[in-house]
Amino acid sequence: MTEVYLLYSRLFYFYKMKLVVCALIIHEGLLLITQHGHDSGHPLMWEFPGGKIKPGEPAEVALVREIFEELDIEVAVDQSLEVVDYQYPGKNIRLMPFLCRWISGDITLNVHLDCKWIEPQQLFEENMLPADFAMLNAGNNFRDLLHYAGKQTEESRENNAPSGNRPQHV
């Protein structure tokens, strides 16, 4: 009987779980974070942009779609990070993070109040969503982020990319 209850509770937990993708977008070694508005469920908190996966939609496709819908920019999805399950009051999410590169477009804040480019090490000074903090602390996620950001900086230097050529928000 206990085994049946445990199985039922797990199925209920996962059935009610929202599948969410988020992008850790790096450009020239800096990381993009976005801020929730005053009227959101997480007022003025910072997050990695992203959103819900539609039924049957691959996670990477959902991420590219969500970033374009939210910010009007195109990104390349380069690497997945460790997935995290997080429980907020009244909702459970499975957060599927990806390391991404900005490809093109100027940022338009369609759903967020603000955005900024920061050094990855500055994340722990920001008022980030709890699920995003949990994701950063899972497995090797933060180490992989630092490695990826350093690699992007090196590639920018090697390609003689002009510094400060980050997409601005309009």
N, C-alpha and C. Protein backbone atom coordinates (compact mmCIF):
# COMPACT_ATOMS: atom_id res chain seq x y z
N MET A 1 0.82 -1.19 0.00
CA MET A 1 0.00 0.00 0.00
C MET A 1 0.86 1.26 0.00
N THR A 2 1.94 1.26 0.79
CA THR A 2 2.83 2.41 0.86
C THR A 2 3.49 2.65 -0.50
N GLU A 3 3.87 1.57 -1.18
CA GLU A 3 4.51 1.71 -2.49
C GLU A 3 3.55 2.33 -3.51
N VAL A 4 2.29 1.94 -3.46
CA VAL A 4 1.29 2.50 -4.36
C VAL A 4 1.12 3.99 -4.08
N TYR A 5 1.07 4.36 -2.81
CA TYR A 5 0.93 5.77 -2.44
C TYR A 5 2.13 6.57 -2.93
N LEU A 6 3.34 6.04 -2.73
CA LEU A 6 4.54 6.75 -3.19
C LEU A 6 4.53 6.93 -4.70
N LEU A 7 4.14 5.89 -5.42
CA LEU A 7 4.07 5.99 -6.88
C LEU A 7 3.03 7.03 -7.28
N TYR A 8 1.85 7.01 -6.64
CA TYR A 8 0.80 7.97 -6.95
C TYR A 8 1.26 9.39 -6.66
N SER A 9 1.92 9.60 -5.52
CA SER A 9 2.35 10.96 -5.17
C SER A 9 3.42 11.45 -6.14
N ARG A 10 4.28 10.58 -6.61
CA ARG A 10 5.29 10.98 -7.60
C ARG A 10 4.64 11.34 -8.94
N LEU A 11 3.68 10.52 -9.37
CA LEU A 11 2.98 10.81 -10.62
C LEU A 11 2.23 12.13 -10.51
N PHE A 12 1.57 12.37 -9.38
CA PHE A 12 0.85 13.62 -9.18
C PHE A 12 1.81 14.80 -9.21
N TYR A 13 2.97 14.65 -8.55
CA TYR A 13 3.99 15.71 -8.52
C TYR A 13 4.44 16.05 -9.94
N PHE A 14 4.76 15.02 -10.74
CA PHE A 14 5.24 15.28 -12.09
C PHE A 14 4.13 15.73 -13.03
N TYR A 15 2.92 15.26 -12.82
CA TYR A 15 1.80 15.68 -13.64
C TYR A 15 1.55 17.17 -13.48
N LYS A 16 1.68 17.67 -12.27
CA LYS A 16 1.44 19.08 -11.99
C LYS A 16 2.67 19.95 -12.28
N MET A 17 3.78 19.33 -12.64
CA MET A 17 5.02 20.06 -12.86
C MET A 17 5.00 20.78 -14.20
N LYS A 18 5.41 22.03 -14.20
CA LYS A 18 5.55 22.80 -15.44
C LYS A 18 6.96 22.64 -15.96
N LEU A 19 7.08 22.35 -17.24
CA LEU A 19 8.39 22.23 -17.88
C LEU A 19 8.79 23.61 -18.38
N VAL A 20 9.93 24.08 -17.91
CA VAL A 20 10.38 25.45 -18.20
C VAL A 20 11.82 25.40 -18.70
N VAL A 21 12.10 26.21 -19.73
CA VAL A 21 13.46 26.35 -20.23
C VAL A 21 13.99 27.73 -19.86
N CYS A 22 15.30 27.83 -19.69
CA CYS A 22 15.91 29.15 -19.48
C CYS A 22 17.23 29.21 -20.22
N ALA A 23 17.56 30.43 -20.66
CA ALA A 23 18.77 30.66 -21.45
C ALA A 23 19.78 31.44 -20.63
N LEU A 24 20.96 30.90 -20.51
CA LEU A 24 22.09 31.63 -19.96
C LEU A 24 22.84 32.16 -21.17
N ILE A 25 22.48 33.37 -21.59
CA ILE A 25 22.98 33.96 -22.83
C ILE A 25 24.28 34.71 -22.56
N ILE A 26 25.32 34.29 -23.25
CA ILE A 26 26.64 34.89 -23.08
C ILE A 26 27.01 35.63 -24.36
N HIS A 27 27.58 36.82 -24.17
CA HIS A 27 28.14 37.57 -25.28
C HIS A 27 29.37 38.30 -24.77
N GLU A 28 30.51 38.03 -25.41
CA GLU A 28 31.79 38.62 -25.02
C GLU A 28 32.07 38.43 -23.53
N GLY A 29 31.73 37.25 -23.01
CA GLY A 29 32.02 36.91 -21.63
C GLY A 29 31.02 37.42 -20.61
N LEU A 30 30.03 38.19 -21.05
CA LEU A 30 29.02 38.71 -20.13
C LEU A 30 27.71 37.93 -20.27
N LEU A 31 26.95 37.91 -19.20
CA LEU A 31 25.73 37.12 -19.10
C LEU A 31 24.52 38.05 -19.04
N LEU A 32 23.48 37.73 -19.80
CA LEU A 32 22.25 38.52 -19.82
C LEU A 32 21.28 38.01 -18.76
N ILE A 33 20.79 38.95 -17.91
CA ILE A 33 19.71 38.63 -16.99
C ILE A 33 18.59 39.64 -17.21
N THR A 34 17.36 39.21 -16.91
CA THR A 34 16.19 40.07 -17.13
C THR A 34 15.43 40.21 -15.82
N GLN A 35 14.72 41.34 -15.69
CA GLN A 35 14.02 41.65 -14.45
C GLN A 35 12.51 41.60 -14.64
N HIS A 36 11.85 40.93 -13.70
CA HIS A 36 10.38 40.89 -13.68
C HIS A 36 9.83 42.26 -13.35
N GLY A 37 8.62 42.54 -13.84
CA GLY A 37 7.95 43.80 -13.56
C GLY A 37 7.31 43.83 -12.17
N HIS A 38 6.74 44.97 -11.82
CA HIS A 38 6.10 45.17 -10.52
C HIS A 38 4.90 44.25 -10.32
N ASP A 39 4.18 43.94 -11.41
CA ASP A 39 2.93 43.19 -11.31
C ASP A 39 3.09 41.69 -11.52
N SER A 40 4.31 41.21 -11.64
CA SER A 40 4.51 39.78 -11.90
C SER A 40 4.40 38.99 -10.59
N GLY A 41 4.43 37.69 -10.71
CA GLY A 41 4.42 36.83 -9.53
C GLY A 41 5.71 36.90 -8.73
N HIS A 42 6.74 37.46 -9.34
CA HIS A 42 8.06 37.62 -8.70
C HIS A 42 8.53 39.06 -8.91
N PRO A 43 7.86 40.04 -8.29
CA PRO A 43 8.14 41.45 -8.60
C PRO A 43 9.59 41.84 -8.39
N LEU A 44 10.15 42.46 -9.45
CA LEU A 44 11.48 43.05 -9.48
C LEU A 44 12.62 42.06 -9.28
N MET A 45 12.33 40.77 -9.34
CA MET A 45 13.40 39.78 -9.24
C MET A 45 14.03 39.57 -10.62
N TRP A 46 15.29 39.20 -10.60
CA TRP A 46 16.03 38.93 -11.83
C TRP A 46 15.96 37.45 -12.15
N GLU A 47 16.07 37.14 -13.44
CA GLU A 47 16.01 35.75 -13.88
C GLU A 47 16.81 35.57 -15.17
N PHE A 48 16.98 34.31 -15.53
CA PHE A 48 17.44 33.97 -16.86
C PHE A 48 16.20 33.90 -17.73
N PRO A 49 16.19 34.58 -18.88
CA PRO A 49 14.98 34.57 -19.71
C PRO A 49 14.66 33.17 -20.22
N GLY A 50 13.39 32.95 -20.48
CA GLY A 50 12.92 31.66 -20.97
C GLY A 50 11.44 31.55 -20.76
N GLY A 51 10.94 30.32 -20.70
CA GLY A 51 9.51 30.14 -20.49
C GLY A 51 9.08 28.69 -20.61
N LYS A 52 7.79 28.50 -20.70
CA LYS A 52 7.19 27.16 -20.71
C LYS A 52 7.36 26.48 -22.06
N ILE A 53 7.50 25.17 -21.98
CA ILE A 53 7.56 24.32 -23.17
C ILE A 53 6.13 23.92 -23.53
N LYS A 54 5.79 24.07 -24.80
CA LYS A 54 4.47 23.64 -25.27
C LYS A 54 4.47 22.12 -25.41
N PRO A 55 3.30 21.47 -25.27
CA PRO A 55 3.24 20.01 -25.41
C PRO A 55 3.82 19.55 -26.74
N GLY A 56 4.74 18.58 -26.67
CA GLY A 56 5.36 18.02 -27.85
C GLY A 56 6.50 18.84 -28.43
N GLU A 57 6.79 19.99 -27.86
CA GLU A 57 7.83 20.88 -28.38
C GLU A 57 9.19 20.49 -27.79
N PRO A 58 10.22 20.32 -28.62
CA PRO A 58 11.56 20.07 -28.08
C PRO A 58 12.05 21.27 -27.25
N ALA A 59 12.78 21.00 -26.19
CA ALA A 59 13.23 22.05 -25.27
C ALA A 59 14.02 23.14 -25.99
N GLU A 60 14.93 22.78 -26.88
CA GLU A 60 15.75 23.78 -27.56
C GLU A 60 14.90 24.68 -28.46
N VAL A 61 13.90 24.10 -29.11
CA VAL A 61 13.00 24.87 -29.96
C VAL A 61 12.19 25.84 -29.10
N ALA A 62 11.70 25.35 -27.97
CA ALA A 62 10.94 26.21 -27.04
C ALA A 62 11.80 27.37 -26.57
N LEU A 63 13.06 27.11 -26.29
CA LEU A 63 13.94 28.16 -25.79
C LEU A 63 14.17 29.25 -26.83
N VAL A 64 14.47 28.87 -28.05
CA VAL A 64 14.67 29.85 -29.12
C VAL A 64 13.39 30.66 -29.33
N ARG A 65 12.24 30.00 -29.31
CA ARG A 65 10.96 30.68 -29.47
C ARG A 65 10.71 31.67 -28.33
N GLU A 66 10.90 31.22 -27.10
CA GLU A 66 10.66 32.07 -25.94
C GLU A 66 11.58 33.31 -25.93
N ILE A 67 12.84 33.11 -26.26
CA ILE A 67 13.78 34.24 -26.25
C ILE A 67 13.38 35.24 -27.33
N PHE A 68 12.97 34.77 -28.49
CA PHE A 68 12.54 35.70 -29.53
C PHE A 68 11.26 36.42 -29.11
N GLU A 69 10.31 35.70 -28.51
CA GLU A 69 9.06 36.33 -28.06
C GLU A 69 9.30 37.37 -26.97
N GLU A 70 10.20 37.06 -26.04
CA GLU A 70 10.44 37.95 -24.90
C GLU A 70 11.37 39.11 -25.22
N LEU A 71 12.38 38.86 -26.08
CA LEU A 71 13.47 39.84 -26.25
C LEU A 71 13.74 40.26 -27.69
N ASP A 72 13.09 39.64 -28.65
CA ASP A 72 13.33 39.94 -30.08
C ASP A 72 14.77 39.69 -30.53
N ILE A 73 15.44 38.75 -29.90
CA ILE A 73 16.80 38.41 -30.34
C ILE A 73 16.85 36.93 -30.71
N GLU A 74 17.84 36.60 -31.54
CA GLU A 74 18.08 35.22 -31.91
C GLU A 74 19.29 34.72 -31.14
N VAL A 75 19.17 33.48 -30.63
CA VAL A 75 20.27 32.86 -29.91
C VAL A 75 20.58 31.51 -30.52
N ALA A 76 21.81 31.07 -30.32
CA ALA A 76 22.21 29.70 -30.66
C ALA A 76 22.31 28.93 -29.35
N VAL A 77 21.67 27.78 -29.30
CA VAL A 77 21.70 26.92 -28.12
C VAL A 77 22.91 26.00 -28.26
N ASP A 78 23.87 26.14 -27.34
CA ASP A 78 25.12 25.39 -27.46
C ASP A 78 25.24 24.18 -26.54
N GLN A 79 24.69 24.28 -25.32
CA GLN A 79 24.93 23.20 -24.35
C GLN A 79 23.83 23.20 -23.31
N SER A 80 23.37 22.00 -22.96
CA SER A 80 22.41 21.88 -21.86
C SER A 80 23.18 21.77 -20.54
N LEU A 81 22.54 22.23 -19.49
CA LEU A 81 23.08 22.10 -18.14
C LEU A 81 22.20 21.15 -17.35
N GLU A 82 22.57 20.86 -16.12
CA GLU A 82 21.81 19.94 -15.29
C GLU A 82 20.42 20.51 -14.99
N VAL A 83 19.43 19.68 -15.19
CA VAL A 83 18.04 20.04 -14.96
C VAL A 83 17.77 20.06 -13.46
N VAL A 84 16.91 21.00 -13.04
CA VAL A 84 16.57 21.15 -11.62
C VAL A 84 15.05 21.16 -11.45
N ASP A 85 14.57 20.39 -10.48
CA ASP A 85 13.17 20.47 -10.07
C ASP A 85 13.10 21.43 -8.90
N TYR A 86 12.15 22.37 -8.96
CA TYR A 86 12.03 23.36 -7.89
C TYR A 86 10.55 23.54 -7.55
N GLN A 87 10.30 23.66 -6.25
CA GLN A 87 8.92 23.82 -5.79
C GLN A 87 8.72 25.22 -5.23
N TYR A 88 7.89 26.00 -5.95
CA TYR A 88 7.42 27.28 -5.45
C TYR A 88 6.09 27.04 -4.74
N PRO A 89 5.65 27.95 -3.90
CA PRO A 89 4.32 27.78 -3.31
C PRO A 89 3.26 27.69 -4.42
N GLY A 90 2.57 26.58 -4.47
CA GLY A 90 1.49 26.41 -5.43
C GLY A 90 1.90 25.93 -6.81
N LYS A 91 3.20 25.75 -7.07
CA LYS A 91 3.59 25.22 -8.38
C LYS A 91 4.97 24.57 -8.32
N ASN A 92 5.10 23.55 -9.14
CA ASN A 92 6.37 22.84 -9.27
C ASN A 92 6.88 23.07 -10.69
N ILE A 93 8.18 23.31 -10.80
CA ILE A 93 8.75 23.47 -12.15
C ILE A 93 9.93 22.53 -12.32
N ARG A 94 10.12 22.12 -13.53
CA ARG A 94 11.35 21.44 -13.94
C ARG A 94 12.07 22.44 -14.83
N LEU A 95 13.17 23.00 -14.34
CA LEU A 95 13.92 24.03 -15.04
C LEU A 95 15.02 23.38 -15.86
N MET A 96 14.95 23.62 -17.17
CA MET A 96 15.90 23.03 -18.11
C MET A 96 16.77 24.17 -18.67
N PRO A 97 17.99 24.33 -18.12
CA PRO A 97 18.85 25.44 -18.53
C PRO A 97 19.76 25.08 -19.71
N PHE A 98 20.06 26.12 -20.50
CA PHE A 98 20.94 25.95 -21.66
C PHE A 98 21.90 27.13 -21.76
N LEU A 99 23.14 26.83 -22.10
CA LEU A 99 24.12 27.87 -22.42
C LEU A 99 23.90 28.28 -23.86
N CYS A 100 23.78 29.59 -24.09
CA CYS A 100 23.44 30.11 -25.41
C CYS A 100 24.34 31.28 -25.78
N ARG A 101 24.41 31.54 -27.08
CA ARG A 101 25.12 32.71 -27.62
C ARG A 101 24.11 33.61 -28.30
N TRP A 102 24.29 34.93 -28.11
CA TRP A 102 23.51 35.90 -28.86
C TRP A 102 23.99 35.84 -30.31
N ILE A 103 23.04 35.77 -31.25
CA ILE A 103 23.35 35.73 -32.68
C ILE A 103 23.04 37.06 -33.35
N SER A 104 21.81 37.57 -33.15
CA SER A 104 21.44 38.82 -33.81
C SER A 104 20.25 39.45 -33.12
N GLY A 105 20.04 40.72 -33.45
CA GLY A 105 18.88 41.46 -32.96
C GLY A 105 19.23 42.40 -31.83
N ASP A 106 18.44 43.46 -31.72
CA ASP A 106 18.53 44.37 -30.59
C ASP A 106 17.44 43.98 -29.60
N ILE A 107 17.76 44.01 -28.34
CA ILE A 107 16.82 43.58 -27.31
C ILE A 107 15.65 44.54 -27.20
N THR A 108 14.46 43.98 -27.28
CA THR A 108 13.22 44.70 -26.99
C THR A 108 12.59 44.00 -25.80
N LEU A 109 12.30 44.75 -24.75
CA LEU A 109 11.73 44.16 -23.53
C LEU A 109 10.21 44.03 -23.70
N ASN A 110 9.78 42.88 -24.22
CA ASN A 110 8.37 42.63 -24.46
C ASN A 110 7.60 42.21 -23.21
N VAL A 111 8.29 41.58 -22.26
CA VAL A 111 7.62 41.13 -21.03
C VAL A 111 8.36 41.51 -19.75
N HIS A 112 9.58 41.96 -19.88
CA HIS A 112 10.39 42.29 -18.71
C HIS A 112 10.47 43.79 -18.48
N LEU A 113 10.81 44.15 -17.26
CA LEU A 113 10.99 45.55 -16.89
C LEU A 113 12.35 46.07 -17.32
N ASP A 114 13.39 45.23 -17.17
CA ASP A 114 14.75 45.67 -17.46
C ASP A 114 15.60 44.45 -17.80
N CYS A 115 16.80 44.72 -18.30
CA CYS A 115 17.79 43.68 -18.53
C CYS A 115 19.16 44.29 -18.34
N LYS A 116 20.15 43.44 -18.11
CA LYS A 116 21.52 43.93 -18.01
C LYS A 116 22.49 42.78 -18.27
N TRP A 117 23.69 43.18 -18.71
CA TRP A 117 24.78 42.25 -18.95
C TRP A 117 25.73 42.34 -17.76
N ILE A 118 26.03 41.18 -17.15
CA ILE A 118 26.88 41.15 -15.97
C ILE A 118 27.95 40.08 -16.11
N GLU A 119 28.98 40.19 -15.28
CA GLU A 119 29.96 39.11 -15.16
C GLU A 119 29.26 37.95 -14.46
N PRO A 120 29.50 36.71 -14.88
CA PRO A 120 28.83 35.57 -14.23
C PRO A 120 29.03 35.54 -12.71
N GLN A 121 30.19 35.97 -12.23
CA GLN A 121 30.47 35.96 -10.80
C GLN A 121 29.56 36.93 -10.03
N GLN A 122 28.96 37.89 -10.71
CA GLN A 122 28.07 38.86 -10.06
C GLN A 122 26.68 38.30 -9.79
N LEU A 123 26.37 37.13 -10.31
CA LEU A 123 25.02 36.56 -10.15
C LEU A 123 24.61 36.46 -8.69
N PHE A 124 25.56 36.14 -7.82
CA PHE A 124 25.22 35.90 -6.42
C PHE A 124 24.98 37.21 -5.66
N GLU A 125 25.21 38.34 -6.33
CA GLU A 125 24.91 39.65 -5.73
C GLU A 125 23.54 40.15 -6.18
N GLU A 126 22.92 39.47 -7.12
CA GLU A 126 21.64 39.90 -7.68
C GLU A 126 20.48 39.23 -6.95
N ASN A 127 19.31 39.85 -7.02
CA ASN A 127 18.09 39.32 -6.44
C ASN A 127 17.45 38.37 -7.46
N MET A 128 18.07 37.20 -7.61
CA MET A 128 17.66 36.21 -8.62
C MET A 128 16.52 35.34 -8.08
N LEU A 129 15.74 34.78 -9.01
CA LEU A 129 14.69 33.83 -8.64
C LEU A 129 15.31 32.63 -7.92
N PRO A 130 14.63 32.11 -6.91
CA PRO A 130 15.18 30.96 -6.18
C PRO A 130 15.46 29.74 -7.06
N ALA A 131 14.62 29.46 -8.04
CA ALA A 131 14.86 28.31 -8.92
C ALA A 131 16.15 28.51 -9.73
N ASP A 132 16.42 29.76 -10.13
CA ASP A 132 17.65 30.03 -10.88
C ASP A 132 18.88 29.83 -10.00
N PHE A 133 18.81 30.26 -8.73
CA PHE A 133 19.91 30.01 -7.80
C PHE A 133 20.11 28.51 -7.59
N ALA A 134 19.01 27.78 -7.41
CA ALA A 134 19.10 26.33 -7.24
C ALA A 134 19.77 25.69 -8.45
N MET A 135 19.41 26.17 -9.64
CA MET A 135 20.00 25.63 -10.86
C MET A 135 21.50 25.92 -10.91
N LEU A 136 21.90 27.14 -10.54
CA LEU A 136 23.32 27.49 -10.57
C LEU A 136 24.13 26.60 -9.62
N ASN A 137 23.52 26.20 -8.52
CA ASN A 137 24.22 25.40 -7.51
C ASN A 137 24.14 23.90 -7.77
N ALA A 138 23.40 23.48 -8.79
CA ALA A 138 23.26 22.06 -9.10
C ALA A 138 24.47 21.55 -9.87
N GLY A 139 24.99 20.43 -9.44
CA GLY A 139 26.08 19.77 -10.16
C GLY A 139 27.21 20.72 -10.53
N ASN A 140 27.57 20.70 -11.81
CA ASN A 140 28.66 21.54 -12.32
C ASN A 140 28.14 22.75 -13.10
N ASN A 141 26.88 23.13 -12.91
CA ASN A 141 26.29 24.18 -13.72
C ASN A 141 27.06 25.49 -13.66
N PHE A 142 27.40 25.95 -12.46
CA PHE A 142 28.10 27.24 -12.38
C PHE A 142 29.51 27.12 -12.96
N ARG A 143 30.19 26.04 -12.69
CA ARG A 143 31.53 25.83 -13.28
C ARG A 143 31.45 25.80 -14.80
N ASP A 144 30.44 25.12 -15.34
CA ASP A 144 30.28 25.06 -16.80
C ASP A 144 29.96 26.44 -17.37
N LEU A 145 29.17 27.23 -16.66
CA LEU A 145 28.86 28.60 -17.08
C LEU A 145 30.14 29.43 -17.14
N LEU A 146 30.97 29.36 -16.11
CA LEU A 146 32.21 30.13 -16.08
C LEU A 146 33.14 29.71 -17.23
N HIS A 147 33.22 28.42 -17.47
CA HIS A 147 34.06 27.92 -18.57
C HIS A 147 33.54 28.42 -19.92
N TYR A 148 32.24 28.33 -20.12
CA TYR A 148 31.62 28.77 -21.37
C TYR A 148 31.82 30.27 -21.58
N ALA A 149 31.63 31.07 -20.52
CA ALA A 149 31.81 32.53 -20.63
C ALA A 149 33.26 32.86 -20.97
N GLY A 150 34.21 32.16 -20.35
CA GLY A 150 35.62 32.38 -20.66
C GLY A 150 35.95 32.02 -22.09
N LYS A 151 35.38 30.92 -22.58
CA LYS A 151 35.59 30.49 -23.96
C LYS A 151 35.04 31.52 -24.94
N GLN A 152 33.85 32.08 -24.65
CA GLN A 152 33.26 33.10 -25.53
C GLN A 152 34.12 34.36 -25.57
N THR A 153 34.70 34.74 -24.42
CA THR A 153 35.58 35.90 -24.37
C THR A 153 36.81 35.68 -25.24
N GLU A 154 37.42 34.49 -25.12
CA GLU A 154 38.60 34.16 -25.93
C GLU A 154 38.28 34.20 -27.41
N GLU A 155 37.14 33.63 -27.81
CA GLU A 155 36.76 33.62 -29.23
C GLU A 155 36.54 35.04 -29.75
N SER A 156 35.97 35.92 -28.93
CA SER A 156 35.77 37.31 -29.34
C SER A 156 37.12 37.98 -29.60
N ARG A 157 38.09 37.73 -28.73
CA ARG A 157 39.42 38.32 -28.91
C ARG A 157 40.11 37.78 -30.16
N GLU A 158 40.00 36.46 -30.35
CA GLU A 158 40.64 35.82 -31.51
C GLU A 158 40.05 36.33 -32.82
N ASN A 159 38.77 36.62 -32.83
CA ASN A 159 38.11 37.10 -34.05
C ASN A 159 38.19 38.61 -34.20
N ASN A 160 38.95 39.26 -33.31
CA ASN A 160 39.08 40.71 -33.31
C ASN A 160 37.74 41.42 -33.31
N ALA A 161 36.79 40.83 -32.58
CA ALA A 161 35.46 41.44 -32.49
C ALA A 161 35.57 42.74 -31.71
N PRO A 162 34.90 43.78 -32.18
CA PRO A 162 34.94 45.05 -31.45
C PRO A 162 34.28 44.88 -30.08
N SER A 163 34.95 45.36 -29.03
CA SER A 163 34.37 45.24 -27.71
C SER A 163 33.19 46.19 -27.58
N GLY A 164 32.30 45.85 -26.69
CA GLY A 164 31.13 46.70 -26.49
C GLY A 164 30.08 46.54 -27.57
N ASN A 165 30.20 45.52 -28.40
CA ASN A 165 29.24 45.28 -29.48
C ASN A 165 28.10 44.40 -29.02
N ARG A 166 27.70 44.56 -27.74
CA ARG A 166 26.59 43.77 -27.19
C ARG A 166 25.28 44.34 -27.72
N PRO A 167 24.30 43.45 -27.85
CA PRO A 167 22.98 43.94 -28.24
C PRO A 167 22.42 44.84 -27.15
N GLN A 168 21.92 45.97 -27.52
CA GLN A 168 21.34 46.92 -26.56
C GLN A 168 19.85 46.74 -26.56
N HIS A 169 19.21 47.16 -25.47
CA HIS A 169 17.76 47.10 -25.53
C HIS A 169 17.21 48.44 -25.97
N VAL A 170 16.15 48.35 -26.77
CA VAL A 170 15.56 49.55 -27.38
C VAL A 170 14.19 49.82 -26.80
